[in-house]
Amino acid sequence: MNTRAFSFKTLRAQFEGLEGRHPGLWPPLPRLLCPLLVTLLVIVIGGWLVWSTQWETLESGAESERKLRTEFERKVAQAHHLDTLRKQKAEVEARVLQQERQLPGKAEIDALLAEISQMGAVRGLQFELFKPGQLKIGEHYAELPIEIRLSGSYHALAGFVSDIANMSRIVTIDRIALTQLREGALAFECVAHTFRYLDAAEAEQKKQRTPERKQQVLR
């Protein structure tokens, strides 16, 4: 008789007829395997419950590590280009300063208006209206609109506009209207806008008003 077949039948026989019998009356092999299986099941279930929480914590930590690594690499790249960024900042500040120098101060605005009026007179134009409007306080500068109405030849008017465009100060013109008066003469209407920088008192007043406006908006 085959010893292996005999052993298999003997082992299988120990697992037959176990239903309804007290575990203490089971054959030796089932009594040994039963607590081992229960212990293994408890270990697997308990381990899963514990490890699942730890696995989530591990994943969260790994995600935080990736974010911190990305932020670190970005800051390292910025540090490598720090000299370039400082140079660019200096260039921007220089351009801003240059533009600010093109804006007249509060004490110079009257001289600028007189200069515009003089340009028209030199061209032989006749002023019918030269009316500065209400000053508009902006974030960093103030804007002064001027209503202008004058008359003269086409070439004189074109020269006047060219003179304004070539001024060292920033002056813009819009709402232009031309009307034929008689042969060789035109009526010219426009609104010129001059700009000046805010003095220290106006800038401080602007800063104080900004929080108040924000609070009004929130309300």
N, C-alpha and C. Protein backbone atom coordinates (compact mmCIF):
# COMPACT_ATOMS: atom_id res chain seq x y z
N MET A 1 0.85 -1.19 0.00
CA MET A 1 0.00 0.00 0.00
C MET A 1 0.89 1.25 0.00
N ASN A 2 0.43 2.24 -0.74
CA ASN A 2 1.19 3.48 -0.85
C ASN A 2 1.12 4.24 0.48
N THR A 3 2.33 4.50 1.04
CA THR A 3 2.40 5.16 2.34
C THR A 3 1.86 6.59 2.28
N ARG A 4 2.12 7.29 1.12
CA ARG A 4 1.66 8.67 0.97
C ARG A 4 0.14 8.74 0.93
N ALA A 5 -0.50 7.77 0.22
CA ALA A 5 -1.96 7.75 0.14
C ALA A 5 -2.55 7.43 1.50
N PHE A 6 -1.84 6.51 2.19
CA PHE A 6 -2.33 6.17 3.53
C PHE A 6 -2.27 7.38 4.47
N SER A 7 -1.20 8.12 4.42
CA SER A 7 -1.05 9.28 5.28
C SER A 7 -2.09 10.35 4.96
N PHE A 8 -2.36 10.56 3.65
CA PHE A 8 -3.35 11.55 3.25
C PHE A 8 -4.73 11.16 3.75
N LYS A 9 -5.07 9.85 3.61
CA LYS A 9 -6.39 9.40 4.07
C LYS A 9 -6.49 9.53 5.58
N THR A 10 -5.37 9.29 6.26
CA THR A 10 -5.39 9.39 7.71
C THR A 10 -5.62 10.83 8.16
N LEU A 11 -4.94 11.79 7.49
CA LEU A 11 -5.11 13.20 7.82
C LEU A 11 -6.51 13.68 7.51
N ARG A 12 -7.03 13.23 6.34
CA ARG A 12 -8.37 13.66 5.96
C ARG A 12 -9.41 13.09 6.90
N ALA A 13 -9.16 11.90 7.40
CA ALA A 13 -10.11 11.26 8.30
C ALA A 13 -10.25 12.03 9.60
N GLN A 14 -9.16 12.74 10.01
CA GLN A 14 -9.23 13.50 11.26
C GLN A 14 -10.18 14.71 11.14
N PHE A 15 -10.44 15.19 9.88
CA PHE A 15 -11.32 16.35 9.68
C PHE A 15 -12.76 15.95 9.35
N GLU A 16 -13.05 14.63 9.33
CA GLU A 16 -14.39 14.17 9.03
C GLU A 16 -15.19 14.00 10.32
N GLY A 17 -16.45 14.38 10.25
CA GLY A 17 -17.34 14.20 11.37
C GLY A 17 -17.09 15.14 12.53
N LEU A 18 -16.56 16.35 12.23
CA LEU A 18 -16.29 17.29 13.32
C LEU A 18 -17.52 18.09 13.71
N GLU A 19 -18.48 18.23 12.79
CA GLU A 19 -19.67 19.03 13.08
C GLU A 19 -20.46 18.41 14.22
N GLY A 20 -20.84 19.23 15.16
CA GLY A 20 -21.65 18.79 16.28
C GLY A 20 -20.83 18.23 17.43
N ARG A 21 -19.54 18.06 17.24
CA ARG A 21 -18.68 17.53 18.30
C ARG A 21 -17.98 18.68 19.03
N HIS A 22 -17.78 18.51 20.30
CA HIS A 22 -17.07 19.51 21.08
C HIS A 22 -15.62 19.56 20.62
N PRO A 23 -15.04 20.79 20.45
CA PRO A 23 -13.65 20.88 19.99
C PRO A 23 -12.68 20.08 20.84
N GLY A 24 -13.01 19.89 22.11
CA GLY A 24 -12.11 19.12 22.96
C GLY A 24 -12.06 17.66 22.58
N LEU A 25 -13.07 17.18 21.83
CA LEU A 25 -13.12 15.77 21.42
C LEU A 25 -12.61 15.58 20.00
N TRP A 26 -12.15 16.68 19.36
CA TRP A 26 -11.63 16.56 17.99
C TRP A 26 -10.30 15.81 18.00
N PRO A 27 -9.93 15.25 16.87
CA PRO A 27 -8.61 14.62 16.76
C PRO A 27 -7.50 15.65 16.95
N PRO A 28 -6.26 15.19 17.15
CA PRO A 28 -5.15 16.12 17.47
C PRO A 28 -4.91 17.21 16.42
N LEU A 29 -4.93 16.84 15.13
CA LEU A 29 -4.59 17.82 14.09
C LEU A 29 -5.61 18.96 14.02
N PRO A 30 -6.93 18.71 13.99
CA PRO A 30 -7.90 19.83 13.99
C PRO A 30 -7.80 20.68 15.25
N ARG A 31 -7.56 20.02 16.42
CA ARG A 31 -7.43 20.81 17.64
C ARG A 31 -6.23 21.75 17.57
N LEU A 32 -5.15 21.33 16.90
CA LEU A 32 -3.95 22.16 16.78
C LEU A 32 -4.14 23.29 15.75
N LEU A 33 -4.77 22.97 14.64
CA LEU A 33 -4.93 23.96 13.58
C LEU A 33 -5.97 25.03 13.92
N CYS A 34 -6.99 24.70 14.68
CA CYS A 34 -8.08 25.64 14.97
C CYS A 34 -7.56 26.89 15.68
N PRO A 35 -6.81 26.78 16.79
CA PRO A 35 -6.32 28.01 17.44
C PRO A 35 -5.31 28.77 16.56
N LEU A 36 -4.55 27.98 15.74
CA LEU A 36 -3.61 28.67 14.86
C LEU A 36 -4.34 29.52 13.83
N LEU A 37 -5.42 28.99 13.26
CA LEU A 37 -6.20 29.75 12.28
C LEU A 37 -6.88 30.96 12.92
N VAL A 38 -7.41 30.76 14.13
CA VAL A 38 -8.05 31.88 14.83
C VAL A 38 -7.02 32.98 15.12
N THR A 39 -5.84 32.55 15.58
CA THR A 39 -4.78 33.53 15.87
C THR A 39 -4.36 34.28 14.61
N LEU A 40 -4.21 33.52 13.50
CA LEU A 40 -3.82 34.15 12.23
C LEU A 40 -4.89 35.13 11.75
N LEU A 41 -6.16 34.75 11.91
CA LEU A 41 -7.27 35.63 11.50
C LEU A 41 -7.28 36.91 12.33
N VAL A 42 -7.07 36.77 13.64
CA VAL A 42 -7.04 37.96 14.51
C VAL A 42 -5.89 38.88 14.12
N ILE A 43 -4.72 38.26 13.82
CA ILE A 43 -3.56 39.07 13.42
C ILE A 43 -3.83 39.81 12.13
N VAL A 44 -4.45 39.12 11.14
CA VAL A 44 -4.72 39.75 9.85
C VAL A 44 -5.72 40.89 10.00
N ILE A 45 -6.84 40.63 10.70
CA ILE A 45 -7.86 41.67 10.85
C ILE A 45 -7.32 42.84 11.67
N GLY A 46 -6.68 42.55 12.79
CA GLY A 46 -6.13 43.62 13.63
C GLY A 46 -5.06 44.42 12.89
N GLY A 47 -4.21 43.68 12.16
CA GLY A 47 -3.18 44.37 11.40
C GLY A 47 -3.76 45.26 10.33
N TRP A 48 -4.83 44.79 9.69
CA TRP A 48 -5.45 45.61 8.64
C TRP A 48 -6.03 46.90 9.22
N LEU A 49 -6.72 46.76 10.38
CA LEU A 49 -7.31 47.95 10.99
C LEU A 49 -6.23 48.94 11.43
N VAL A 50 -5.13 48.45 11.96
CA VAL A 50 -4.05 49.33 12.42
C VAL A 50 -3.26 49.88 11.24
N TRP A 51 -2.91 49.00 10.31
CA TRP A 51 -2.07 49.41 9.19
C TRP A 51 -2.79 50.35 8.23
N SER A 52 -4.11 50.19 8.12
CA SER A 52 -4.83 51.07 7.20
C SER A 52 -4.70 52.53 7.63
N THR A 53 -4.82 52.78 8.96
CA THR A 53 -4.65 54.15 9.47
C THR A 53 -3.22 54.63 9.27
N GLN A 54 -2.29 53.74 9.56
CA GLN A 54 -0.88 54.11 9.38
C GLN A 54 -0.55 54.34 7.91
N TRP A 55 -1.20 53.56 7.03
CA TRP A 55 -0.96 53.74 5.60
C TRP A 55 -1.45 55.11 5.13
N GLU A 56 -2.63 55.51 5.62
CA GLU A 56 -3.15 56.84 5.28
C GLU A 56 -2.20 57.94 5.80
N THR A 57 -1.71 57.75 7.04
CA THR A 57 -0.76 58.71 7.59
C THR A 57 0.51 58.77 6.75
N LEU A 58 0.96 57.60 6.31
CA LEU A 58 2.16 57.53 5.47
C LEU A 58 1.94 58.24 4.14
N GLU A 59 0.77 58.04 3.51
CA GLU A 59 0.46 58.69 2.25
C GLU A 59 0.39 60.21 2.43
N SER A 60 -0.24 60.65 3.53
CA SER A 60 -0.32 62.08 3.81
C SER A 60 1.07 62.69 4.02
N GLY A 61 1.90 61.97 4.75
CA GLY A 61 3.26 62.44 4.95
C GLY A 61 4.06 62.50 3.67
N ALA A 62 3.85 61.51 2.80
CA ALA A 62 4.55 61.50 1.51
C ALA A 62 4.11 62.67 0.64
N GLU A 63 2.79 62.99 0.65
CA GLU A 63 2.29 64.12 -0.12
C GLU A 63 2.86 65.44 0.41
N SER A 64 2.92 65.56 1.74
CA SER A 64 3.50 66.77 2.34
C SER A 64 4.98 66.89 1.97
N GLU A 65 5.66 65.75 1.95
CA GLU A 65 7.07 65.77 1.58
C GLU A 65 7.25 66.23 0.14
N ARG A 66 6.38 65.77 -0.77
CA ARG A 66 6.48 66.18 -2.17
C ARG A 66 6.24 67.68 -2.32
N LYS A 67 5.24 68.21 -1.59
CA LYS A 67 4.97 69.64 -1.66
C LYS A 67 6.14 70.45 -1.12
N LEU A 68 6.68 70.02 0.03
CA LEU A 68 7.81 70.74 0.61
C LEU A 68 9.04 70.67 -0.29
N ARG A 69 9.23 69.53 -0.94
CA ARG A 69 10.37 69.39 -1.84
C ARG A 69 10.22 70.32 -3.05
N THR A 70 8.98 70.38 -3.58
CA THR A 70 8.73 71.28 -4.72
C THR A 70 8.95 72.73 -4.32
N GLU A 71 8.45 73.12 -3.13
CA GLU A 71 8.64 74.49 -2.65
C GLU A 71 10.11 74.79 -2.43
N PHE A 72 10.83 73.81 -1.88
CA PHE A 72 12.26 73.99 -1.64
C PHE A 72 13.01 74.18 -2.96
N GLU A 73 12.68 73.35 -3.97
CA GLU A 73 13.35 73.48 -5.27
C GLU A 73 13.04 74.82 -5.91
N ARG A 74 11.79 75.31 -5.74
CA ARG A 74 11.43 76.61 -6.30
C ARG A 74 12.23 77.73 -5.64
N LYS A 75 12.36 77.66 -4.32
CA LYS A 75 13.11 78.70 -3.61
C LYS A 75 14.60 78.63 -3.93
N VAL A 76 15.12 77.41 -4.12
CA VAL A 76 16.53 77.27 -4.51
C VAL A 76 16.75 77.91 -5.88
N ALA A 77 15.80 77.67 -6.82
CA ALA A 77 15.91 78.28 -8.14
C ALA A 77 15.87 79.80 -8.06
N GLN A 78 14.99 80.33 -7.19
CA GLN A 78 14.92 81.77 -7.00
C GLN A 78 16.23 82.31 -6.41
N ALA A 79 16.80 81.55 -5.48
CA ALA A 79 18.06 81.99 -4.88
C ALA A 79 19.18 82.04 -5.92
N HIS A 80 19.16 81.08 -6.86
CA HIS A 80 20.17 81.07 -7.92
C HIS A 80 20.04 82.28 -8.83
N HIS A 81 18.79 82.77 -8.98
CA HIS A 81 18.55 83.90 -9.87
C HIS A 81 18.35 85.20 -9.08
N LEU A 82 18.80 85.21 -7.83
CA LEU A 82 18.57 86.38 -6.98
C LEU A 82 19.24 87.62 -7.54
N ASP A 83 20.47 87.48 -8.03
CA ASP A 83 21.17 88.64 -8.58
C ASP A 83 20.45 89.19 -9.80
N THR A 84 19.93 88.28 -10.65
CA THR A 84 19.19 88.73 -11.83
C THR A 84 17.91 89.46 -11.43
N LEU A 85 17.20 88.91 -10.42
CA LEU A 85 15.98 89.54 -9.95
C LEU A 85 16.26 90.91 -9.34
N ARG A 86 17.35 91.04 -8.61
CA ARG A 86 17.71 92.34 -8.04
C ARG A 86 18.02 93.35 -9.14
N LYS A 87 18.69 92.88 -10.18
CA LYS A 87 19.01 93.77 -11.29
C LYS A 87 17.74 94.23 -11.99
N GLN A 88 16.80 93.28 -12.21
CA GLN A 88 15.54 93.63 -12.85
C GLN A 88 14.75 94.61 -11.99
N LYS A 89 14.77 94.40 -10.67
CA LYS A 89 14.06 95.31 -9.78
C LYS A 89 14.64 96.72 -9.87
N ALA A 90 15.98 96.80 -9.91
CA ALA A 90 16.63 98.10 -10.01
C ALA A 90 16.26 98.79 -11.32
N GLU A 91 16.18 98.01 -12.41
CA GLU A 91 15.82 98.59 -13.71
C GLU A 91 14.39 99.12 -13.69
N VAL A 92 13.48 98.35 -13.07
CA VAL A 92 12.08 98.79 -12.98
C VAL A 92 11.98 100.06 -12.15
N GLU A 93 12.68 100.10 -11.02
CA GLU A 93 12.65 101.29 -10.18
C GLU A 93 13.20 102.51 -10.92
N ALA A 94 14.23 102.28 -11.74
CA ALA A 94 14.81 103.39 -12.51
C ALA A 94 13.82 103.91 -13.54
N ARG A 95 13.08 102.97 -14.20
CA ARG A 95 12.08 103.40 -15.18
C ARG A 95 10.93 104.15 -14.51
N VAL A 96 10.51 103.67 -13.33
CA VAL A 96 9.45 104.37 -12.60
C VAL A 96 9.90 105.77 -12.20
N LEU A 97 11.14 105.87 -11.74
CA LEU A 97 11.67 107.18 -11.35
C LEU A 97 11.73 108.12 -12.56
N GLN A 98 12.12 107.58 -13.72
CA GLN A 98 12.19 108.39 -14.93
C GLN A 98 10.81 108.90 -15.33
N GLN A 99 9.80 108.02 -15.22
CA GLN A 99 8.45 108.44 -15.55
C GLN A 99 7.92 109.47 -14.55
N GLU A 100 8.28 109.29 -13.28
CA GLU A 100 7.84 110.26 -12.27
C GLU A 100 8.44 111.64 -12.54
N ARG A 101 9.65 111.66 -13.07
CA ARG A 101 10.29 112.94 -13.36
C ARG A 101 9.59 113.68 -14.50
N GLN A 102 8.85 112.90 -15.31
CA GLN A 102 8.10 113.54 -16.39
C GLN A 102 6.82 114.19 -15.88
N LEU A 103 6.46 113.89 -14.65
CA LEU A 103 5.25 114.49 -14.07
C LEU A 103 5.63 115.73 -13.28
N PRO A 104 4.95 116.82 -13.52
CA PRO A 104 5.25 118.04 -12.76
C PRO A 104 4.75 117.91 -11.32
N GLY A 105 5.34 118.68 -10.45
CA GLY A 105 4.87 118.73 -9.09
C GLY A 105 3.69 119.67 -8.96
N LYS A 106 3.16 119.78 -7.75
CA LYS A 106 2.01 120.64 -7.52
C LYS A 106 2.34 122.09 -7.82
N ALA A 107 3.57 122.52 -7.51
CA ALA A 107 3.97 123.91 -7.73
C ALA A 107 4.27 124.20 -9.19
N GLU A 108 4.48 123.13 -10.00
CA GLU A 108 4.87 123.32 -11.40
C GLU A 108 3.69 123.24 -12.35
N ILE A 109 2.52 122.86 -11.86
CA ILE A 109 1.38 122.64 -12.76
C ILE A 109 0.95 123.94 -13.42
N ASP A 110 0.99 125.07 -12.70
CA ASP A 110 0.60 126.36 -13.29
C ASP A 110 1.54 126.73 -14.44
N ALA A 111 2.83 126.46 -14.27
CA ALA A 111 3.80 126.75 -15.33
C ALA A 111 3.54 125.88 -16.54
N LEU A 112 3.12 124.63 -16.31
CA LEU A 112 2.81 123.73 -17.42
C LEU A 112 1.60 124.24 -18.20
N LEU A 113 0.57 124.69 -17.51
CA LEU A 113 -0.62 125.23 -18.18
C LEU A 113 -0.26 126.47 -18.99
N ALA A 114 0.59 127.32 -18.43
CA ALA A 114 1.01 128.52 -19.14
C ALA A 114 1.81 128.15 -20.39
N GLU A 115 2.60 127.06 -20.30
CA GLU A 115 3.39 126.61 -21.44
C GLU A 115 2.49 126.12 -22.57
N ILE A 116 1.44 125.41 -22.22
CA ILE A 116 0.50 124.93 -23.25
C ILE A 116 -0.19 126.11 -23.92
N SER A 117 -0.61 127.08 -23.13
CA SER A 117 -1.26 128.26 -23.68
C SER A 117 -0.30 129.03 -24.59
N GLN A 118 0.96 129.14 -24.19
CA GLN A 118 1.95 129.87 -24.97
C GLN A 118 2.21 129.18 -26.31
N MET A 119 2.15 127.85 -26.32
CA MET A 119 2.35 127.11 -27.56
C MET A 119 1.31 127.50 -28.61
N GLY A 120 0.05 127.63 -28.14
CA GLY A 120 -1.00 128.02 -29.06
C GLY A 120 -0.82 129.44 -29.57
N ALA A 121 -0.41 130.34 -28.69
CA ALA A 121 -0.21 131.73 -29.08
C ALA A 121 0.92 131.86 -30.10
N VAL A 122 2.00 131.09 -29.90
CA VAL A 122 3.13 131.14 -30.83
C VAL A 122 2.70 130.67 -32.21
N ARG A 123 1.79 129.71 -32.27
CA ARG A 123 1.30 129.20 -33.55
C ARG A 123 0.27 130.13 -34.19
N GLY A 124 -0.06 131.21 -33.52
CA GLY A 124 -1.04 132.14 -34.09
C GLY A 124 -2.47 131.69 -33.90
N LEU A 125 -2.72 130.83 -32.96
CA LEU A 125 -4.07 130.33 -32.69
C LEU A 125 -4.77 131.25 -31.70
N GLN A 126 -6.07 131.32 -31.83
CA GLN A 126 -6.86 132.17 -30.94
C GLN A 126 -7.63 131.29 -29.96
N PHE A 127 -7.35 131.47 -28.68
CA PHE A 127 -8.03 130.68 -27.65
C PHE A 127 -9.39 131.28 -27.35
N GLU A 128 -10.41 130.42 -27.41
CA GLU A 128 -11.75 130.82 -27.00
C GLU A 128 -12.12 130.22 -25.64
N LEU A 129 -11.44 129.12 -25.31
CA LEU A 129 -11.69 128.47 -24.01
C LEU A 129 -10.43 127.73 -23.58
N PHE A 130 -10.05 127.95 -22.36
CA PHE A 130 -8.93 127.21 -21.75
C PHE A 130 -9.30 127.04 -20.28
N LYS A 131 -10.00 125.94 -19.98
CA LYS A 131 -10.63 125.78 -18.67
C LYS A 131 -10.16 124.50 -17.98
N PRO A 132 -9.28 124.61 -16.99
CA PRO A 132 -8.90 123.44 -16.20
C PRO A 132 -10.11 122.89 -15.44
N GLY A 133 -10.26 121.57 -15.42
CA GLY A 133 -11.38 120.94 -14.72
C GLY A 133 -11.02 120.55 -13.30
N GLN A 134 -11.82 119.65 -12.74
CA GLN A 134 -11.60 119.22 -11.37
C GLN A 134 -10.46 118.21 -11.32
N LEU A 135 -9.57 118.38 -10.37
CA LEU A 135 -8.43 117.50 -10.21
C LEU A 135 -8.90 116.12 -9.75
N LYS A 136 -8.40 115.09 -10.41
CA LYS A 136 -8.75 113.71 -10.05
C LYS A 136 -7.54 113.05 -9.39
N ILE A 137 -7.71 112.67 -8.12
CA ILE A 137 -6.63 112.05 -7.37
C ILE A 137 -6.64 110.54 -7.64
N GLY A 138 -5.55 110.04 -8.23
CA GLY A 138 -5.44 108.61 -8.50
C GLY A 138 -4.64 107.90 -7.42
N GLU A 139 -4.22 106.68 -7.73
CA GLU A 139 -3.48 105.88 -6.75
C GLU A 139 -2.09 106.45 -6.50
N HIS A 140 -1.40 106.85 -7.59
CA HIS A 140 -0.04 107.35 -7.45
C HIS A 140 0.15 108.74 -8.07
N TYR A 141 -0.85 109.25 -8.74
CA TYR A 141 -0.71 110.54 -9.39
C TYR A 141 -2.07 111.24 -9.44
N ALA A 142 -2.03 112.52 -9.79
CA ALA A 142 -3.26 113.30 -9.93
C ALA A 142 -3.41 113.69 -11.40
N GLU A 143 -4.64 113.69 -11.88
CA GLU A 143 -4.94 114.01 -13.29
C GLU A 143 -5.77 115.30 -13.35
N LEU A 144 -5.35 116.20 -14.22
CA LEU A 144 -6.05 117.48 -14.38
C LEU A 144 -6.53 117.59 -15.83
N PRO A 145 -7.85 117.49 -16.07
CA PRO A 145 -8.37 117.68 -17.43
C PRO A 145 -8.53 119.17 -17.74
N ILE A 146 -8.29 119.53 -19.00
CA ILE A 146 -8.39 120.92 -19.43
C ILE A 146 -9.23 120.97 -20.71
N GLU A 147 -10.32 121.69 -20.66
CA GLU A 147 -11.13 121.89 -21.86
C GLU A 147 -10.50 123.02 -22.69
N ILE A 148 -10.25 122.72 -23.96
CA ILE A 148 -9.61 123.70 -24.84
C ILE A 148 -10.48 123.89 -26.08
N ARG A 149 -10.69 125.14 -26.42
CA ARG A 149 -11.36 125.47 -27.69
C ARG A 149 -10.62 126.66 -28.31
N LEU A 150 -10.14 126.47 -29.51
CA LEU A 150 -9.39 127.53 -30.19
C LEU A 150 -9.65 127.42 -31.69
N SER A 151 -9.17 128.39 -32.42
CA SER A 151 -9.39 128.43 -33.86
C SER A 151 -8.13 128.90 -34.57
N GLY A 152 -8.00 128.49 -35.84
CA GLY A 152 -6.83 128.86 -36.61
C GLY A 152 -6.73 127.99 -37.84
N SER A 153 -5.62 128.08 -38.53
CA SER A 153 -5.43 127.30 -39.75
C SER A 153 -5.14 125.84 -39.41
N TYR A 154 -5.32 125.01 -40.40
CA TYR A 154 -5.08 123.56 -40.21
C TYR A 154 -3.64 123.31 -39.82
N HIS A 155 -2.70 123.94 -40.51
CA HIS A 155 -1.29 123.71 -40.23
C HIS A 155 -0.91 124.21 -38.84
N ALA A 156 -1.49 125.32 -38.41
CA ALA A 156 -1.21 125.83 -37.07
C ALA A 156 -1.75 124.89 -35.99
N LEU A 157 -2.95 124.34 -36.23
CA LEU A 157 -3.53 123.40 -35.28
C LEU A 157 -2.71 122.11 -35.22
N ALA A 158 -2.29 121.63 -36.39
CA ALA A 158 -1.47 120.41 -36.42
C ALA A 158 -0.15 120.65 -35.69
N GLY A 159 0.45 121.83 -35.87
CA GLY A 159 1.68 122.15 -35.17
C GLY A 159 1.48 122.23 -33.67
N PHE A 160 0.35 122.75 -33.24
CA PHE A 160 0.04 122.85 -31.81
C PHE A 160 -0.05 121.46 -31.18
N VAL A 161 -0.76 120.56 -31.86
CA VAL A 161 -0.88 119.18 -31.35
C VAL A 161 0.49 118.51 -31.31
N SER A 162 1.31 118.75 -32.34
CA SER A 162 2.66 118.18 -32.38
C SER A 162 3.51 118.72 -31.24
N ASP A 163 3.37 120.02 -30.97
CA ASP A 163 4.14 120.62 -29.87
C ASP A 163 3.80 119.97 -28.54
N ILE A 164 2.51 119.70 -28.32
CA ILE A 164 2.09 119.07 -27.07
C ILE A 164 2.65 117.65 -26.98
N ALA A 165 2.62 116.94 -28.11
CA ALA A 165 3.13 115.56 -28.11
C ALA A 165 4.62 115.50 -27.81
N ASN A 166 5.36 116.55 -28.16
CA ASN A 166 6.81 116.57 -27.97
C ASN A 166 7.23 117.21 -26.65
N MET A 167 6.27 117.53 -25.79
CA MET A 167 6.62 118.13 -24.50
C MET A 167 7.36 117.11 -23.63
N SER A 168 8.24 117.61 -22.79
CA SER A 168 8.95 116.73 -21.86
C SER A 168 8.02 116.18 -20.78
N ARG A 169 6.93 116.89 -20.51
CA ARG A 169 5.92 116.43 -19.56
C ARG A 169 4.89 115.55 -20.28
N ILE A 170 4.19 114.73 -19.52
CA ILE A 170 3.17 113.85 -20.09
C ILE A 170 1.86 114.61 -20.21
N VAL A 171 1.40 114.81 -21.44
CA VAL A 171 0.12 115.45 -21.71
C VAL A 171 -0.57 114.65 -22.81
N THR A 172 -1.80 114.25 -22.57
CA THR A 172 -2.56 113.51 -23.57
C THR A 172 -3.76 114.34 -24.01
N ILE A 173 -4.26 114.03 -25.21
CA ILE A 173 -5.40 114.76 -25.77
C ILE A 173 -6.43 113.76 -26.25
N ASP A 174 -7.70 114.00 -25.93
CA ASP A 174 -8.78 113.16 -26.45
C ASP A 174 -10.01 114.04 -26.70
N ARG A 175 -11.09 113.39 -27.13
CA ARG A 175 -12.35 114.08 -27.45
C ARG A 175 -12.11 115.27 -28.40
N ILE A 176 -11.37 114.98 -29.46
CA ILE A 176 -11.03 116.01 -30.45
C ILE A 176 -12.21 116.21 -31.41
N ALA A 177 -12.49 117.48 -31.71
CA ALA A 177 -13.55 117.82 -32.67
C ALA A 177 -13.08 118.99 -33.52
N LEU A 178 -13.24 118.89 -34.84
CA LEU A 178 -12.88 119.95 -35.78
C LEU A 178 -14.13 120.44 -36.50
N THR A 179 -14.24 121.76 -36.62
CA THR A 179 -15.38 122.37 -37.30
C THR A 179 -14.87 123.42 -38.28
N GLN A 180 -15.38 123.35 -39.50
CA GLN A 180 -14.99 124.33 -40.51
C GLN A 180 -15.69 125.66 -40.22
N LEU A 181 -14.91 126.73 -40.06
CA LEU A 181 -15.48 128.05 -39.80
C LEU A 181 -15.60 128.85 -41.10
N ARG A 182 -14.53 128.98 -41.78
CA ARG A 182 -14.48 129.70 -43.06
C ARG A 182 -13.31 129.12 -43.84
N GLU A 183 -13.11 129.58 -44.99
CA GLU A 183 -12.04 129.04 -45.82
C GLU A 183 -10.68 129.27 -45.14
N GLY A 184 -10.00 128.14 -44.88
CA GLY A 184 -8.67 128.22 -44.28
C GLY A 184 -8.68 128.33 -42.77
N ALA A 185 -9.83 128.32 -42.12
CA ALA A 185 -9.91 128.42 -40.66
C ALA A 185 -10.76 127.29 -40.09
N LEU A 186 -10.30 126.73 -38.99
CA LEU A 186 -11.00 125.63 -38.32
C LEU A 186 -11.16 125.95 -36.85
N ALA A 187 -12.26 125.43 -36.30
CA ALA A 187 -12.45 125.47 -34.84
C ALA A 187 -12.01 124.12 -34.28
N PHE A 188 -11.20 124.15 -33.26
CA PHE A 188 -10.60 122.93 -32.68
C PHE A 188 -11.01 122.83 -31.22
N GLU A 189 -11.61 121.70 -30.87
CA GLU A 189 -12.00 121.46 -29.48
C GLU A 189 -11.39 120.13 -29.03
N CYS A 190 -10.95 120.09 -27.79
CA CYS A 190 -10.38 118.86 -27.24
C CYS A 190 -10.35 118.96 -25.72
N VAL A 191 -10.01 117.85 -25.10
CA VAL A 191 -9.75 117.82 -23.66
C VAL A 191 -8.32 117.31 -23.48
N ALA A 192 -7.47 118.16 -22.95
CA ALA A 192 -6.09 117.78 -22.66
C ALA A 192 -6.00 117.31 -21.21
N HIS A 193 -5.18 116.30 -20.99
CA HIS A 193 -5.02 115.75 -19.64
C HIS A 193 -3.56 115.89 -19.24
N THR A 194 -3.32 116.61 -18.18
CA THR A 194 -1.98 116.71 -17.62
C THR A 194 -1.95 115.92 -16.32
N PHE A 195 -0.78 115.51 -15.94
CA PHE A 195 -0.62 114.66 -14.76
C PHE A 195 0.50 115.21 -13.89
N ARG A 196 0.34 115.03 -12.60
CA ARG A 196 1.40 115.39 -11.66
C ARG A 196 1.44 114.36 -10.55
N TYR A 197 2.59 114.23 -9.94
CA TYR A 197 2.71 113.27 -8.85
C TYR A 197 2.11 113.85 -7.58
N LEU A 198 1.72 112.97 -6.68
CA LEU A 198 1.14 113.41 -5.41
C LEU A 198 2.25 113.86 -4.46
N ASP A 199 2.00 114.95 -3.78
CA ASP A 199 2.96 115.36 -2.76
C ASP A 199 2.79 114.48 -1.52
N ALA A 200 3.64 114.66 -0.54
CA ALA A 200 3.64 113.80 0.65
C ALA A 200 2.31 113.84 1.38
N ALA A 201 1.73 115.04 1.52
CA ALA A 201 0.46 115.19 2.24
C ALA A 201 -0.67 114.48 1.50
N GLU A 202 -0.71 114.61 0.17
CA GLU A 202 -1.76 113.98 -0.62
C GLU A 202 -1.62 112.46 -0.60
N ALA A 203 -0.38 111.98 -0.69
CA ALA A 203 -0.15 110.53 -0.64
C ALA A 203 -0.59 109.94 0.69
N GLU A 204 -0.29 110.64 1.79
CA GLU A 204 -0.69 110.18 3.11
C GLU A 204 -2.21 110.20 3.25
N GLN A 205 -2.84 111.23 2.73
CA GLN A 205 -4.30 111.33 2.77
C GLN A 205 -4.92 110.20 1.95
N LYS A 206 -4.29 109.85 0.83
CA LYS A 206 -4.79 108.77 0.00
C LYS A 206 -4.72 107.44 0.75
N LYS A 207 -3.63 107.21 1.49
CA LYS A 207 -3.49 105.98 2.25
C LYS A 207 -4.55 105.87 3.33
N GLN A 208 -4.88 107.00 3.96
CA GLN A 208 -5.87 106.99 5.03
C GLN A 208 -7.27 106.73 4.49
N ARG A 209 -7.55 107.20 3.28
CA ARG A 209 -8.87 107.00 2.71
C ARG A 209 -9.09 105.59 2.18
N THR A 210 -8.03 104.91 1.80
CA THR A 210 -8.16 103.57 1.22
C THR A 210 -8.81 102.58 2.17
N PRO A 211 -8.38 102.46 3.45
CA PRO A 211 -9.07 101.54 4.37
C PRO A 211 -10.54 101.90 4.57
N GLU A 212 -10.84 103.19 4.61
CA GLU A 212 -12.23 103.61 4.81
C GLU A 212 -13.09 103.15 3.63
N ARG A 213 -12.57 103.27 2.42
CA ARG A 213 -13.33 102.83 1.24
C ARG A 213 -13.53 101.32 1.25
N LYS A 214 -12.52 100.57 1.69
CA LYS A 214 -12.65 99.12 1.77
C LYS A 214 -13.74 98.73 2.77
N GLN A 215 -13.78 99.43 3.91
CA GLN A 215 -14.81 99.13 4.89
C GLN A 215 -16.20 99.44 4.36
N GLN A 216 -16.33 100.53 3.60
CA GLN A 216 -17.63 100.88 3.01
C GLN A 216 -18.07 99.83 2.01
N VAL A 217 -17.12 99.31 1.24
CA VAL A 217 -17.45 98.27 0.26
C VAL A 217 -17.92 97.02 0.96
N LEU A 218 -17.22 96.64 2.08
CA LEU A 218 -17.61 95.44 2.82
C LEU A 218 -18.97 95.57 3.45
N ARG A 219 -19.34 96.77 3.85
CA ARG A 219 -20.65 96.97 4.44
C ARG A 219 -21.76 96.84 3.40
